[in-house]
Structures are given as C-alpha cells and as structure tokens.
Amino acid sequence: YLTRRLVESAKRSPILLTGSSGYLGTELSEQLRLAGVEFTGVDREPGSPPEGRLLNLADEGPVRALFE
C-alpha cells in the first residue's frame, strides 16, 4: 500500500524500479500501476512487469537514456 503523499511525490519525478521481476518488485509494480504512477522497471532477468526492461545498471549509457 502506498501513501497518498508518496504517490503524489512519485507522479512528479521519474521512477526507476530495480529488481522489477522479483517478488517485491512485481508487487510494487502493481501498486504503482494501480496508483497511476509512471515508472520504468529494470532487471537483469526477464519477467514481469511486461513494460520492464533488461538492463545492466553498471552500463551508464542505457541508464542515462531512461531519463532523457
């Protein structure tokens, strides 16, 4: 469950959710989606959420491109 204050803050800033295909990441992805928050889920393993991306966070170029 996300508090109203957190959701309002999240709607103003880009959200990068790491570990989005794991148990907690999947649950948090669903809560963010239900709250209408836009986010990018990244993981090193394929899985859910469907809008997630495979990404190595040590690779600066692709990470930077997420926020442009």
Protein backbone atom coordinates (compact mmCIF):
# COMPACT_ATOMS: atom_id res chain seq x y z
CA TYR A 1 0.00 0.00 0.00
CA LEU A 2 1.35 3.42 -0.95
CA THR A 3 0.54 6.51 1.00
CA ARG A 4 -1.06 9.43 -0.80
CA ARG A 5 2.00 11.59 -0.14
CA LEU A 6 4.36 9.05 -1.69
CA VAL A 7 2.13 8.66 -4.75
CA GLU A 8 1.91 12.43 -5.27
CA SER A 9 5.69 12.72 -4.98
CA ALA A 10 6.19 9.80 -7.38
CA LYS A 11 3.98 11.44 -10.00
CA ARG A 12 6.38 14.43 -10.15
CA SER A 13 9.66 12.52 -10.52
CA PRO A 14 10.86 9.69 -12.74
CA ILE A 15 10.76 6.32 -11.00
CA LEU A 16 13.35 3.63 -11.74
CA LEU A 17 12.27 0.38 -10.10
CA THR A 18 15.18 -2.07 -9.90
CA GLY A 19 14.51 -5.75 -9.42
CA SER A 20 11.12 -5.38 -11.06
CA SER A 21 10.75 -9.07 -11.93
CA GLY A 22 11.36 -10.25 -8.36
CA TYR A 23 8.69 -10.85 -5.74
CA LEU A 24 8.78 -7.39 -4.15
CA GLY A 25 9.34 -5.64 -7.47
CA THR A 26 6.32 -7.35 -9.01
CA GLU A 27 4.12 -6.34 -6.07
CA LEU A 28 5.40 -2.76 -6.07
CA SER A 29 4.94 -2.53 -9.85
CA GLU A 30 1.30 -3.47 -9.47
CA GLN A 31 0.73 -0.91 -6.70
CA LEU A 32 2.41 1.85 -8.73
CA ARG A 33 0.35 0.92 -11.80
CA LEU A 34 -2.91 0.95 -9.79
CA ALA A 35 -1.99 4.37 -8.38
CA GLY A 36 -1.41 5.74 -11.88
CA VAL A 37 2.31 6.32 -11.36
CA GLU A 38 4.56 6.09 -14.42
CA PHE A 39 7.74 4.12 -13.82
CA THR A 40 10.40 2.10 -15.58
CA GLY A 41 11.07 -1.37 -14.22
CA VAL A 42 14.52 -2.84 -14.85
CA ASP A 43 16.01 -6.19 -14.02
CA ARG A 44 18.85 -8.43 -15.08
CA GLU A 45 16.41 -11.32 -15.58
CA PRO A 46 13.37 -11.39 -17.90
CA GLY A 47 9.95 -11.49 -16.32
CA SER A 48 7.19 -9.17 -15.28
CA PRO A 49 6.14 -6.43 -15.41
CA PRO A 50 5.63 -6.53 -19.17
CA GLU A 51 6.83 -2.93 -19.55
CA GLY A 52 10.10 -3.81 -17.77
CA ARG A 53 13.48 -3.78 -19.48
CA LEU A 54 16.57 -5.92 -19.19
CA LEU A 55 19.38 -3.61 -18.17
CA ASN A 56 22.81 -3.69 -16.57
CA LEU A 57 22.84 -0.78 -14.12
CA ALA A 58 26.64 -0.63 -14.41
CA ASP A 59 26.23 0.39 -18.07
CA GLU A 60 25.86 4.16 -17.76
CA GLY A 61 24.67 4.92 -21.31
CA PRO A 62 21.42 2.93 -21.28
CA VAL A 63 20.64 4.01 -17.71
CA ARG A 64 21.09 7.67 -18.66
CA ALA A 65 18.88 7.17 -21.73
CA LEU A 66 15.99 6.07 -19.50
CA PHE A 67 15.73 9.60 -18.12
CA GLU A 68 16.11 11.59 -21.34
